[in-house]
Amino acid sequence: MKCFSMLTQLLVITLSLSACGAQAAPPPTVNAVDVQNTMAAAAFTMIAETQAAVPTATPPPPTATSTDTPAPTTTLPALPSLGATFTAAPNGNSSGGDPCINKVLPASLKGEPVKIRVNNSTQADVSFTIYLNQTTPVVECGYRAYTIASGQSLILNDLVEGCFTLWAWNPDPEDYFIVTNGTNCLDSAEPWIFDISTGSIKLKT
């Protein structure tokens, strides 16, 4: 539409000049075919320039695709369940640094004997393990497992001086709990008494 308007204006100017020229001098001979060819060439030139000025459509940049793989989630080890029994794992090292975690203590130990009493003050029968890490006079380590009835006590006379970690838990899923004392290093100076509750294992002093 714009091109048609320009062509019309060009034609009007040409005719006006021709009219003015007719007053001042004899009218020149104008070939109608030449005028049409000139106008067509001008029109095609304007169309080409208009098309060149139009910006070309460019596709949008590709969207970023996430390639991050989620880090694996940390899985907690299964807690002891009802009826679980402890078995020794020869040459096992599931702890990643302590070869004694899966080792059962031998029946006879060398060293100064210690006396340990463990009271179950809860209203549930608890599963109980005691872990020994003895460094003198010989290196001995491992665990023993027991069951202590509600309100009852366990007396141990066959252990020797060393550092002990105690664990107790209620295997009943409805009233489950698990407690530990951390670690206590015991000698043969006196009887050692631990008390199990649903919140802790405490050494009585």
N, C-alpha and C. Protein backbone atom coordinates (compact mmCIF):
# COMPACT_ATOMS: atom_id res chain seq x y z
N MET A 1 0.83 -1.19 0.00
CA MET A 1 0.00 0.00 0.00
C MET A 1 0.88 1.25 0.00
N LYS A 2 1.95 1.22 0.75
CA LYS A 2 2.87 2.34 0.81
C LYS A 2 3.57 2.53 -0.53
N CYS A 3 3.93 1.41 -1.13
CA CYS A 3 4.60 1.47 -2.43
C CYS A 3 3.66 2.08 -3.48
N PHE A 4 2.38 1.71 -3.44
CA PHE A 4 1.40 2.23 -4.41
C PHE A 4 1.27 3.74 -4.24
N SER A 5 1.29 4.24 -3.00
CA SER A 5 1.18 5.67 -2.74
C SER A 5 2.39 6.42 -3.30
N MET A 6 3.58 5.83 -3.15
CA MET A 6 4.79 6.48 -3.67
C MET A 6 4.77 6.53 -5.19
N LEU A 7 4.28 5.46 -5.78
CA LEU A 7 4.19 5.44 -7.24
C LEU A 7 3.24 6.53 -7.72
N THR A 8 2.15 6.71 -6.99
CA THR A 8 1.18 7.75 -7.38
C THR A 8 1.82 9.12 -7.28
N GLN A 9 2.58 9.35 -6.18
CA GLN A 9 3.24 10.65 -6.03
C GLN A 9 4.27 10.89 -7.14
N LEU A 10 5.01 9.85 -7.48
CA LEU A 10 6.00 9.96 -8.55
C LEU A 10 5.33 10.31 -9.88
N LEU A 11 4.19 9.69 -10.13
CA LEU A 11 3.45 9.96 -11.37
C LEU A 11 2.94 11.39 -11.38
N VAL A 12 2.44 11.89 -10.26
CA VAL A 12 1.93 13.26 -10.18
C VAL A 12 3.05 14.26 -10.41
N ILE A 13 4.24 14.00 -9.80
CA ILE A 13 5.38 14.92 -10.00
C ILE A 13 5.80 14.95 -11.45
N THR A 14 5.83 13.77 -12.05
CA THR A 14 6.25 13.68 -13.45
C THR A 14 5.29 14.46 -14.35
N LEU A 15 4.00 14.28 -14.07
CA LEU A 15 3.00 14.98 -14.89
C LEU A 15 3.07 16.49 -14.65
N SER A 16 3.34 16.90 -13.40
CA SER A 16 3.43 18.33 -13.09
C SER A 16 4.60 18.97 -13.83
N LEU A 17 5.74 18.29 -13.80
CA LEU A 17 6.90 18.80 -14.51
C LEU A 17 6.63 18.89 -16.00
N SER A 18 5.92 17.93 -16.46
CA SER A 18 5.59 17.93 -17.90
C SER A 18 4.70 19.12 -18.22
N ALA A 19 3.75 19.42 -17.30
CA ALA A 19 2.84 20.55 -17.54
C ALA A 19 3.59 21.87 -17.52
N CYS A 20 4.53 22.01 -16.54
CA CYS A 20 5.31 23.24 -16.45
C CYS A 20 6.17 23.43 -17.69
N GLY A 21 6.76 22.34 -18.11
CA GLY A 21 7.61 22.39 -19.29
C GLY A 21 6.82 22.77 -20.54
N ALA A 22 5.55 22.47 -20.54
CA ALA A 22 4.74 22.77 -21.73
C ALA A 22 4.50 24.26 -21.84
N GLN A 23 4.50 24.97 -20.73
CA GLN A 23 4.28 26.42 -20.78
C GLN A 23 5.54 27.14 -21.23
N ALA A 24 6.74 26.63 -20.79
CA ALA A 24 7.97 27.35 -21.09
C ALA A 24 8.51 26.98 -22.46
N ALA A 25 8.31 25.77 -22.86
CA ALA A 25 8.89 25.31 -24.14
C ALA A 25 7.95 24.31 -24.77
N PRO A 26 8.22 23.96 -25.99
CA PRO A 26 7.37 22.94 -26.62
C PRO A 26 7.51 21.63 -25.87
N PRO A 27 6.44 20.95 -25.66
CA PRO A 27 6.47 19.70 -24.89
C PRO A 27 7.35 18.66 -25.54
N PRO A 28 8.27 18.06 -24.72
CA PRO A 28 9.12 17.00 -25.28
C PRO A 28 8.29 15.74 -25.49
N THR A 29 8.79 14.96 -26.31
CA THR A 29 8.09 13.70 -26.59
C THR A 29 8.43 12.71 -25.48
N VAL A 30 7.41 12.21 -24.80
CA VAL A 30 7.62 11.26 -23.70
C VAL A 30 7.05 9.92 -24.12
N ASN A 31 7.89 8.95 -23.97
CA ASN A 31 7.46 7.58 -24.32
C ASN A 31 6.76 6.99 -23.09
N ALA A 32 5.51 6.59 -23.22
CA ALA A 32 4.75 6.03 -22.09
C ALA A 32 5.35 4.75 -21.57
N VAL A 33 5.94 3.98 -22.45
CA VAL A 33 6.55 2.70 -22.04
C VAL A 33 7.75 2.97 -21.13
N ASP A 34 8.56 4.01 -21.48
CA ASP A 34 9.72 4.34 -20.64
C ASP A 34 9.29 4.78 -19.25
N VAL A 35 8.18 5.59 -19.20
CA VAL A 35 7.69 6.04 -17.91
C VAL A 35 7.24 4.85 -17.05
N GLN A 36 6.54 3.92 -17.65
CA GLN A 36 6.09 2.74 -16.91
C GLN A 36 7.27 1.90 -16.41
N ASN A 37 8.28 1.74 -17.28
CA ASN A 37 9.46 0.95 -16.87
C ASN A 37 10.20 1.63 -15.71
N THR A 38 10.30 2.97 -15.76
CA THR A 38 10.98 3.70 -14.69
C THR A 38 10.23 3.56 -13.37
N MET A 39 8.91 3.70 -13.44
CA MET A 39 8.11 3.57 -12.24
C MET A 39 8.17 2.16 -11.68
N ALA A 40 8.16 1.15 -12.54
CA ALA A 40 8.23 -0.23 -12.08
C ALA A 40 9.58 -0.50 -11.40
N ALA A 41 10.67 0.03 -12.01
CA ALA A 41 11.99 -0.17 -11.41
C ALA A 41 12.08 0.50 -10.04
N ALA A 42 11.51 1.72 -9.94
CA ALA A 42 11.54 2.41 -8.64
C ALA A 42 10.72 1.66 -7.61
N ALA A 43 9.59 1.11 -8.05
CA ALA A 43 8.75 0.35 -7.11
C ALA A 43 9.46 -0.89 -6.62
N PHE A 44 10.11 -1.63 -7.53
CA PHE A 44 10.82 -2.85 -7.11
C PHE A 44 12.00 -2.52 -6.18
N THR A 45 12.65 -1.37 -6.44
CA THR A 45 13.77 -0.96 -5.57
C THR A 45 13.27 -0.67 -4.16
N MET A 46 12.13 0.05 -4.06
CA MET A 46 11.59 0.35 -2.73
C MET A 46 11.15 -0.92 -2.02
N ILE A 47 10.55 -1.85 -2.76
CA ILE A 47 10.12 -3.12 -2.13
C ILE A 47 11.32 -3.89 -1.60
N ALA A 48 12.39 -3.93 -2.42
CA ALA A 48 13.59 -4.65 -1.99
C ALA A 48 14.21 -4.01 -0.75
N GLU A 49 14.25 -2.65 -0.72
CA GLU A 49 14.82 -1.97 0.45
C GLU A 49 13.96 -2.19 1.70
N THR A 50 12.64 -2.22 1.50
CA THR A 50 11.73 -2.46 2.64
C THR A 50 11.94 -3.86 3.22
N GLN A 51 12.04 -4.84 2.33
CA GLN A 51 12.25 -6.22 2.78
C GLN A 51 13.59 -6.39 3.48
N ALA A 52 14.62 -5.66 2.99
CA ALA A 52 15.94 -5.76 3.62
C ALA A 52 15.95 -5.15 5.01
N ALA A 53 15.08 -4.14 5.21
CA ALA A 53 15.04 -3.48 6.52
C ALA A 53 14.29 -4.30 7.56
N VAL A 54 13.48 -5.25 7.12
CA VAL A 54 12.72 -6.07 8.09
C VAL A 54 13.69 -7.02 8.79
N PRO A 55 13.71 -7.03 10.14
CA PRO A 55 14.64 -7.94 10.84
C PRO A 55 14.24 -9.39 10.62
N THR A 56 15.27 -10.21 10.48
CA THR A 56 15.01 -11.63 10.27
C THR A 56 14.66 -12.28 11.60
N ALA A 57 13.74 -13.21 11.52
CA ALA A 57 13.32 -13.92 12.74
C ALA A 57 14.39 -14.92 13.12
N THR A 58 14.88 -14.83 14.36
CA THR A 58 15.88 -15.79 14.85
C THR A 58 15.25 -16.65 15.92
N PRO A 59 15.54 -17.94 15.87
CA PRO A 59 14.94 -18.83 16.88
C PRO A 59 15.45 -18.48 18.27
N PRO A 60 14.62 -18.63 19.29
CA PRO A 60 15.08 -18.34 20.67
C PRO A 60 16.18 -19.29 21.09
N PRO A 61 17.05 -18.85 21.98
CA PRO A 61 18.14 -19.75 22.43
C PRO A 61 17.57 -20.96 23.14
N PRO A 62 18.23 -22.10 23.00
CA PRO A 62 17.72 -23.31 23.65
C PRO A 62 17.69 -23.15 25.16
N THR A 63 16.67 -23.71 25.77
CA THR A 63 16.57 -23.64 27.23
C THR A 63 17.58 -24.59 27.86
N ALA A 64 18.15 -24.15 28.99
CA ALA A 64 19.15 -24.98 29.68
C ALA A 64 18.48 -26.20 30.27
N THR A 65 19.08 -27.33 30.05
CA THR A 65 18.58 -28.58 30.61
C THR A 65 19.45 -28.98 31.79
N SER A 66 18.85 -29.19 32.94
CA SER A 66 19.62 -29.55 34.13
C SER A 66 20.17 -30.95 33.99
N THR A 67 21.47 -31.07 34.23
CA THR A 67 22.10 -32.39 34.17
C THR A 67 22.64 -32.82 35.52
N ASP A 68 22.32 -32.02 36.55
CA ASP A 68 22.82 -32.38 37.89
C ASP A 68 22.14 -33.65 38.38
N THR A 69 22.92 -34.59 38.86
CA THR A 69 22.38 -35.81 39.45
C THR A 69 22.28 -35.60 40.95
N PRO A 70 21.07 -35.80 41.51
CA PRO A 70 20.95 -35.57 42.95
C PRO A 70 21.89 -36.47 43.74
N ALA A 71 22.45 -35.85 44.77
CA ALA A 71 23.36 -36.62 45.61
C ALA A 71 22.59 -37.72 46.31
N PRO A 72 23.25 -38.76 46.41
CA PRO A 72 22.57 -39.83 47.12
C PRO A 72 22.20 -39.43 48.53
N THR A 73 21.08 -39.88 49.00
CA THR A 73 20.66 -39.58 50.36
C THR A 73 21.35 -40.51 51.34
N THR A 74 21.58 -40.04 52.60
CA THR A 74 22.21 -40.85 53.65
C THR A 74 21.20 -41.82 54.23
N THR A 75 21.57 -43.10 54.25
CA THR A 75 20.68 -44.13 54.78
C THR A 75 21.18 -44.57 56.13
N LEU A 76 20.32 -44.48 57.13
CA LEU A 76 20.70 -44.92 58.46
C LEU A 76 20.69 -46.44 58.54
N PRO A 77 21.59 -47.03 59.29
CA PRO A 77 21.57 -48.49 59.42
C PRO A 77 20.33 -48.94 60.17
N ALA A 78 19.89 -50.14 59.86
CA ALA A 78 18.70 -50.68 60.52
C ALA A 78 18.99 -50.91 62.00
N LEU A 79 18.04 -50.53 62.83
CA LEU A 79 18.21 -50.74 64.27
C LEU A 79 17.84 -52.17 64.62
N PRO A 80 18.36 -52.67 65.73
CA PRO A 80 18.06 -54.04 66.10
C PRO A 80 16.56 -54.27 66.23
N SER A 81 16.11 -55.43 65.77
CA SER A 81 14.69 -55.73 65.81
C SER A 81 14.43 -56.93 66.70
N LEU A 82 13.15 -57.22 66.93
CA LEU A 82 12.75 -58.32 67.81
C LEU A 82 13.29 -59.63 67.28
N GLY A 83 13.92 -60.38 68.16
CA GLY A 83 14.43 -61.69 67.78
C GLY A 83 15.80 -61.64 67.13
N ALA A 84 16.41 -60.45 67.05
CA ALA A 84 17.71 -60.35 66.42
C ALA A 84 18.77 -61.01 67.31
N THR A 85 19.69 -61.71 66.69
CA THR A 85 20.79 -62.32 67.42
C THR A 85 22.09 -61.79 66.85
N PHE A 86 23.08 -61.64 67.69
CA PHE A 86 24.37 -61.16 67.25
C PHE A 86 25.23 -62.34 66.85
N THR A 87 25.84 -62.21 65.70
CA THR A 87 26.73 -63.26 65.23
C THR A 87 28.06 -62.63 64.86
N ALA A 88 29.11 -63.35 65.10
CA ALA A 88 30.44 -62.84 64.77
C ALA A 88 30.64 -62.87 63.27
N ALA A 89 31.31 -61.87 62.76
CA ALA A 89 31.63 -61.82 61.34
C ALA A 89 33.14 -61.90 61.21
N PRO A 90 33.69 -63.10 60.96
CA PRO A 90 35.14 -63.24 60.89
C PRO A 90 35.72 -62.35 59.80
N ASN A 91 36.80 -61.67 60.15
CA ASN A 91 37.52 -60.79 59.24
C ASN A 91 36.63 -59.66 58.70
N GLY A 92 35.53 -59.40 59.38
CA GLY A 92 34.63 -58.33 58.91
C GLY A 92 35.10 -56.99 59.43
N ASN A 93 34.78 -55.95 58.67
CA ASN A 93 35.13 -54.60 59.09
C ASN A 93 34.07 -53.64 58.60
N SER A 94 32.81 -53.85 59.03
CA SER A 94 31.71 -53.04 58.55
C SER A 94 31.76 -51.63 59.11
N SER A 95 32.55 -51.39 60.16
CA SER A 95 32.59 -50.07 60.77
C SER A 95 33.47 -49.11 60.00
N GLY A 96 34.27 -49.61 59.06
CA GLY A 96 35.14 -48.75 58.27
C GLY A 96 36.42 -48.38 58.98
N GLY A 97 36.64 -48.71 60.26
CA GLY A 97 37.87 -48.37 60.94
C GLY A 97 38.08 -49.19 62.19
N ASP A 98 37.07 -49.85 62.70
CA ASP A 98 37.17 -50.64 63.93
C ASP A 98 36.90 -52.10 63.60
N PRO A 99 37.94 -52.92 63.58
CA PRO A 99 37.76 -54.33 63.22
C PRO A 99 37.07 -55.15 64.31
N CYS A 100 36.76 -54.53 65.46
CA CYS A 100 36.20 -55.28 66.59
C CYS A 100 34.68 -55.18 66.69
N ILE A 101 34.07 -54.33 65.86
CA ILE A 101 32.63 -54.11 66.00
C ILE A 101 31.86 -55.41 65.86
N ASN A 102 32.25 -56.28 64.95
CA ASN A 102 31.52 -57.53 64.72
C ASN A 102 32.19 -58.74 65.36
N LYS A 103 33.09 -58.47 66.28
CA LYS A 103 33.83 -59.56 66.91
C LYS A 103 33.23 -59.87 68.28
N VAL A 104 32.93 -61.15 68.53
CA VAL A 104 32.44 -61.58 69.84
C VAL A 104 33.64 -61.79 70.76
N LEU A 105 33.53 -61.27 71.98
CA LEU A 105 34.62 -61.47 72.94
C LEU A 105 34.79 -62.95 73.27
N PRO A 106 36.02 -63.40 73.41
CA PRO A 106 36.23 -64.80 73.81
C PRO A 106 35.76 -65.02 75.25
N ALA A 107 35.52 -66.28 75.58
CA ALA A 107 35.01 -66.61 76.92
C ALA A 107 36.02 -66.25 78.01
N SER A 108 37.30 -66.37 77.70
CA SER A 108 38.33 -66.08 78.69
C SER A 108 39.16 -64.88 78.23
N LEU A 109 39.31 -63.91 79.14
CA LEU A 109 40.06 -62.71 78.84
C LEU A 109 41.25 -62.57 79.78
N LYS A 110 42.35 -62.02 79.30
CA LYS A 110 43.53 -61.81 80.12
C LYS A 110 43.56 -60.37 80.59
N GLY A 111 43.83 -60.18 81.87
CA GLY A 111 43.91 -58.84 82.42
C GLY A 111 43.31 -58.80 83.81
N GLU A 112 43.30 -57.63 84.40
CA GLU A 112 42.73 -57.45 85.73
C GLU A 112 41.21 -57.49 85.64
N PRO A 113 40.54 -58.34 86.40
CA PRO A 113 39.08 -58.46 86.31
C PRO A 113 38.37 -57.23 86.88
N VAL A 114 37.23 -56.94 86.29
CA VAL A 114 36.37 -55.87 86.79
C VAL A 114 34.99 -56.45 87.08
N LYS A 115 34.30 -55.84 88.01
CA LYS A 115 32.94 -56.26 88.35
C LYS A 115 31.96 -55.19 87.87
N ILE A 116 30.99 -55.62 87.08
CA ILE A 116 30.02 -54.68 86.49
C ILE A 116 28.61 -55.20 86.79
N ARG A 117 27.76 -54.27 87.23
CA ARG A 117 26.35 -54.59 87.44
C ARG A 117 25.52 -53.64 86.59
N VAL A 118 24.55 -54.19 85.86
CA VAL A 118 23.70 -53.39 84.99
C VAL A 118 22.25 -53.59 85.44
N ASN A 119 21.59 -52.50 85.86
CA ASN A 119 20.20 -52.56 86.32
C ASN A 119 19.26 -52.10 85.20
N ASN A 120 18.22 -52.90 84.96
CA ASN A 120 17.19 -52.51 84.00
C ASN A 120 16.04 -51.86 84.78
N SER A 121 16.00 -50.53 84.77
CA SER A 121 14.97 -49.80 85.51
C SER A 121 13.73 -49.51 84.66
N THR A 122 13.70 -50.04 83.46
CA THR A 122 12.54 -49.78 82.60
C THR A 122 11.46 -50.84 82.84
N GLN A 123 10.32 -50.65 82.20
CA GLN A 123 9.22 -51.62 82.31
C GLN A 123 9.18 -52.56 81.11
N ALA A 124 10.31 -52.72 80.46
CA ALA A 124 10.39 -53.61 79.30
C ALA A 124 11.61 -54.50 79.41
N ASP A 125 11.52 -55.68 78.82
CA ASP A 125 12.70 -56.53 78.68
C ASP A 125 13.58 -55.91 77.59
N VAL A 126 14.83 -55.66 77.91
CA VAL A 126 15.70 -54.98 76.96
C VAL A 126 16.77 -55.91 76.42
N SER A 127 17.15 -55.65 75.17
CA SER A 127 18.34 -56.30 74.60
C SER A 127 19.52 -55.43 74.99
N PHE A 128 20.62 -56.07 75.34
CA PHE A 128 21.76 -55.34 75.89
C PHE A 128 23.05 -55.88 75.30
N THR A 129 23.95 -54.97 74.90
CA THR A 129 25.28 -55.37 74.46
C THR A 129 26.31 -54.54 75.21
N ILE A 130 27.44 -55.15 75.49
CA ILE A 130 28.56 -54.45 76.11
C ILE A 130 29.78 -54.67 75.22
N TYR A 131 30.44 -53.58 74.90
CA TYR A 131 31.57 -53.60 73.97
C TYR A 131 32.83 -53.21 74.73
N LEU A 132 33.86 -54.03 74.61
CA LEU A 132 35.13 -53.80 75.30
C LEU A 132 36.22 -53.46 74.31
N ASN A 133 36.99 -52.42 74.65
CA ASN A 133 38.21 -52.10 73.91
C ASN A 133 39.33 -52.07 74.94
N GLN A 134 40.05 -53.18 75.05
CA GLN A 134 41.12 -53.32 76.04
C GLN A 134 42.46 -53.08 75.36
N THR A 135 43.28 -52.26 75.98
CA THR A 135 44.59 -51.96 75.38
C THR A 135 45.76 -52.51 76.18
N THR A 136 45.54 -52.85 77.44
CA THR A 136 46.62 -53.43 78.25
C THR A 136 46.05 -54.56 79.10
N PRO A 137 46.80 -55.56 79.41
CA PRO A 137 48.18 -55.83 78.96
C PRO A 137 48.24 -56.35 77.53
N VAL A 138 47.11 -56.83 77.00
CA VAL A 138 47.07 -57.27 75.61
C VAL A 138 45.91 -56.55 74.94
N VAL A 139 45.96 -56.48 73.63
CA VAL A 139 44.87 -55.84 72.90
C VAL A 139 43.75 -56.86 72.72
N GLU A 140 42.60 -56.55 73.29
CA GLU A 140 41.43 -57.42 73.15
C GLU A 140 40.22 -56.52 72.95
N CYS A 141 39.38 -56.89 72.04
CA CYS A 141 38.20 -56.08 71.79
C CYS A 141 37.08 -56.95 71.23
N GLY A 142 35.86 -56.44 71.38
CA GLY A 142 34.69 -57.17 70.88
C GLY A 142 33.50 -56.93 71.79
N TYR A 143 32.43 -57.69 71.59
CA TYR A 143 31.20 -57.45 72.35
C TYR A 143 30.63 -58.76 72.88
N ARG A 144 29.69 -58.59 73.79
CA ARG A 144 28.85 -59.69 74.27
C ARG A 144 27.41 -59.17 74.31
N ALA A 145 26.44 -60.06 74.13
CA ALA A 145 25.05 -59.66 74.07
C ALA A 145 24.23 -60.44 75.11
N TYR A 146 23.25 -59.75 75.67
CA TYR A 146 22.40 -60.34 76.71
C TYR A 146 20.98 -59.80 76.55
N THR A 147 20.06 -60.42 77.32
CA THR A 147 18.72 -59.89 77.51
C THR A 147 18.51 -59.67 79.00
N ILE A 148 18.01 -58.49 79.37
CA ILE A 148 17.78 -58.19 80.78
C ILE A 148 16.29 -57.94 80.97
N ALA A 149 15.67 -58.73 81.84
CA ALA A 149 14.23 -58.59 82.08
C ALA A 149 13.93 -57.28 82.80
N SER A 150 12.70 -56.84 82.67
CA SER A 150 12.27 -55.60 83.32
C SER A 150 12.48 -55.69 84.84
N GLY A 151 13.12 -54.66 85.40
CA GLY A 151 13.34 -54.61 86.84
C GLY A 151 14.44 -55.52 87.34
N GLN A 152 15.15 -56.21 86.46
CA GLN A 152 16.20 -57.14 86.86
C GLN A 152 17.59 -56.54 86.62
N SER A 153 18.59 -57.25 87.11
CA SER A 153 19.98 -56.80 86.98
C SER A 153 20.83 -57.89 86.35
N LEU A 154 21.88 -57.45 85.65
CA LEU A 154 22.86 -58.35 85.05
C LEU A 154 24.19 -58.10 85.76
N ILE A 155 24.80 -59.17 86.28
CA ILE A 155 26.09 -59.06 86.97
C ILE A 155 27.15 -59.73 86.12
N LEU A 156 28.22 -58.99 85.81
CA LEU A 156 29.30 -59.50 84.96
C LEU A 156 30.58 -59.51 85.78
N ASN A 157 31.16 -60.74 85.91
CA ASN A 157 32.41 -60.92 86.67
C ASN A 157 33.55 -61.41 85.78
N ASP A 158 33.29 -61.60 84.50
CA ASP A 158 34.30 -62.21 83.63
C ASP A 158 34.89 -61.22 82.61
N LEU A 159 34.78 -59.93 82.90
CA LEU A 159 35.38 -58.93 82.03
C LEU A 159 36.62 -58.35 82.70
N VAL A 160 37.45 -57.68 81.91
CA VAL A 160 38.72 -57.16 82.42
C VAL A 160 38.79 -55.66 82.19
N GLU A 161 39.78 -55.02 82.81
CA GLU A 161 39.94 -53.58 82.69
C GLU A 161 40.02 -53.15 81.23
N GLY A 162 39.38 -52.02 80.96
CA GLY A 162 39.38 -51.48 79.61
C GLY A 162 38.31 -50.42 79.49
N CYS A 163 38.05 -49.99 78.30
CA CYS A 163 37.01 -49.00 78.03
C CYS A 163 35.79 -49.70 77.46
N PHE A 164 34.62 -49.38 78.02
CA PHE A 164 33.39 -50.09 77.69
C PHE A 164 32.34 -49.13 77.12
N THR A 165 31.63 -49.62 76.12
CA THR A 165 30.46 -48.93 75.58
C THR A 165 29.27 -49.87 75.74
N LEU A 166 28.20 -49.36 76.34
CA LEU A 166 27.01 -50.17 76.60
C LEU A 166 25.86 -49.66 75.72
N TRP A 167 25.07 -50.61 75.22
CA TRP A 167 23.87 -50.29 74.43
C TRP A 167 22.72 -51.10 74.98
N ALA A 168 21.55 -50.47 75.05
CA ALA A 168 20.33 -51.19 75.45
C ALA A 168 19.17 -50.65 74.63
N TRP A 169 18.27 -51.53 74.22
CA TRP A 169 17.11 -51.09 73.45
C TRP A 169 15.93 -52.02 73.71
N ASN A 170 14.74 -51.45 73.55
CA ASN A 170 13.51 -52.22 73.64
C ASN A 170 13.14 -52.67 72.23
N PRO A 171 13.12 -53.96 71.96
CA PRO A 171 12.83 -54.42 70.60
C PRO A 171 11.36 -54.32 70.22
N ASP A 172 10.49 -53.99 71.16
CA ASP A 172 9.07 -53.87 70.84
C ASP A 172 8.84 -52.60 70.02
N PRO A 173 8.35 -52.71 68.77
CA PRO A 173 8.19 -51.52 67.93
C PRO A 173 7.26 -50.47 68.53
N GLU A 174 6.29 -50.88 69.33
CA GLU A 174 5.34 -49.91 69.88
C GLU A 174 5.96 -49.05 70.98
N ASP A 175 6.92 -49.59 71.71
CA ASP A 175 7.57 -48.84 72.79
C ASP A 175 9.09 -48.78 72.60
N TYR A 176 9.49 -48.70 71.35
CA TYR A 176 10.92 -48.78 71.03
C TYR A 176 11.71 -47.61 71.62
N PHE A 177 12.90 -47.92 72.13
CA PHE A 177 13.88 -46.90 72.50
C PHE A 177 15.25 -47.56 72.43
N ILE A 178 16.28 -46.74 72.31
CA ILE A 178 17.65 -47.24 72.32
C ILE A 178 18.50 -46.22 73.05
N VAL A 179 19.38 -46.69 73.94
CA VAL A 179 20.20 -45.79 74.76
C VAL A 179 21.61 -46.33 74.84
N THR A 180 22.54 -45.43 75.19
CA THR A 180 23.94 -45.81 75.36
C THR A 180 24.57 -44.96 76.45
N ASN A 181 25.69 -45.42 76.97
CA ASN A 181 26.41 -44.66 77.99
C ASN A 181 27.51 -43.80 77.38
N GLY A 182 27.77 -43.94 76.09
CA GLY A 182 28.95 -43.32 75.50
C GLY A 182 30.10 -44.28 75.68
N THR A 183 31.11 -43.93 76.43
CA THR A 183 32.22 -44.84 76.75
C THR A 183 32.74 -44.50 78.14
N ASN A 184 32.95 -45.56 78.93
CA ASN A 184 33.56 -45.41 80.26
C ASN A 184 34.73 -46.37 80.38
N CYS A 185 35.87 -45.87 80.83
CA CYS A 185 37.03 -46.72 81.06
C CYS A 185 37.02 -47.15 82.53
N LEU A 186 37.00 -48.47 82.75
CA LEU A 186 36.83 -49.03 84.09
C LEU A 186 38.06 -49.80 84.52
N ASP A 187 38.38 -49.71 85.82
CA ASP A 187 39.48 -50.51 86.36
C ASP A 187 38.92 -51.44 87.43
N SER A 188 39.80 -52.14 88.09
CA SER A 188 39.38 -53.16 89.06
C SER A 188 39.21 -52.59 90.47
N ALA A 189 39.24 -51.28 90.63
CA ALA A 189 39.22 -50.68 91.96
C ALA A 189 37.91 -50.92 92.70
N GLU A 190 36.78 -50.97 92.00
CA GLU A 190 35.49 -51.09 92.70
C GLU A 190 34.46 -51.70 91.76
N PRO A 191 33.34 -52.14 92.29
CA PRO A 191 32.26 -52.59 91.42
C PRO A 191 31.66 -51.37 90.69
N TRP A 192 31.32 -51.57 89.41
CA TRP A 192 30.76 -50.49 88.59
C TRP A 192 29.30 -50.80 88.34
N ILE A 193 28.44 -49.82 88.61
CA ILE A 193 26.99 -50.03 88.48
C ILE A 193 26.43 -49.06 87.43
N PHE A 194 25.74 -49.63 86.46
CA PHE A 194 25.07 -48.84 85.43
C PHE A 194 23.56 -49.01 85.57
N ASP A 195 22.84 -47.95 85.27
CA ASP A 195 21.39 -47.99 85.38
C ASP A 195 20.78 -47.64 84.02
N ILE A 196 19.94 -48.55 83.50
CA ILE A 196 19.29 -48.35 82.20
C ILE A 196 17.92 -47.71 82.42
N SER A 197 17.67 -46.59 81.73
CA SER A 197 16.33 -45.98 81.69
C SER A 197 15.96 -45.83 80.22
N THR A 198 14.75 -45.33 79.96
CA THR A 198 14.34 -45.16 78.56
C THR A 198 15.06 -43.98 77.90
N GLY A 199 15.79 -43.19 78.67
CA GLY A 199 16.48 -42.03 78.10
C GLY A 199 17.99 -42.11 78.13
N SER A 200 18.57 -43.05 78.90
CA SER A 200 20.03 -43.09 79.00
C SER A 200 20.50 -44.34 79.71
N ILE A 201 21.81 -44.53 79.69
CA ILE A 201 22.48 -45.51 80.57
C ILE A 201 23.48 -44.70 81.37
N LYS A 202 23.26 -44.64 82.67
CA LYS A 202 24.11 -43.80 83.52
C LYS A 202 24.95 -44.65 84.45
N LEU A 203 26.20 -44.22 84.63
CA LEU A 203 27.11 -44.85 85.58
C LEU A 203 26.88 -44.22 86.94
N LYS A 204 26.55 -45.06 87.91
CA LYS A 204 26.35 -44.55 89.28
C LYS A 204 27.70 -44.38 89.95
N THR A 205 27.87 -43.23 90.58
CA THR A 205 29.15 -42.96 91.25
C THR A 205 28.92 -42.81 92.74
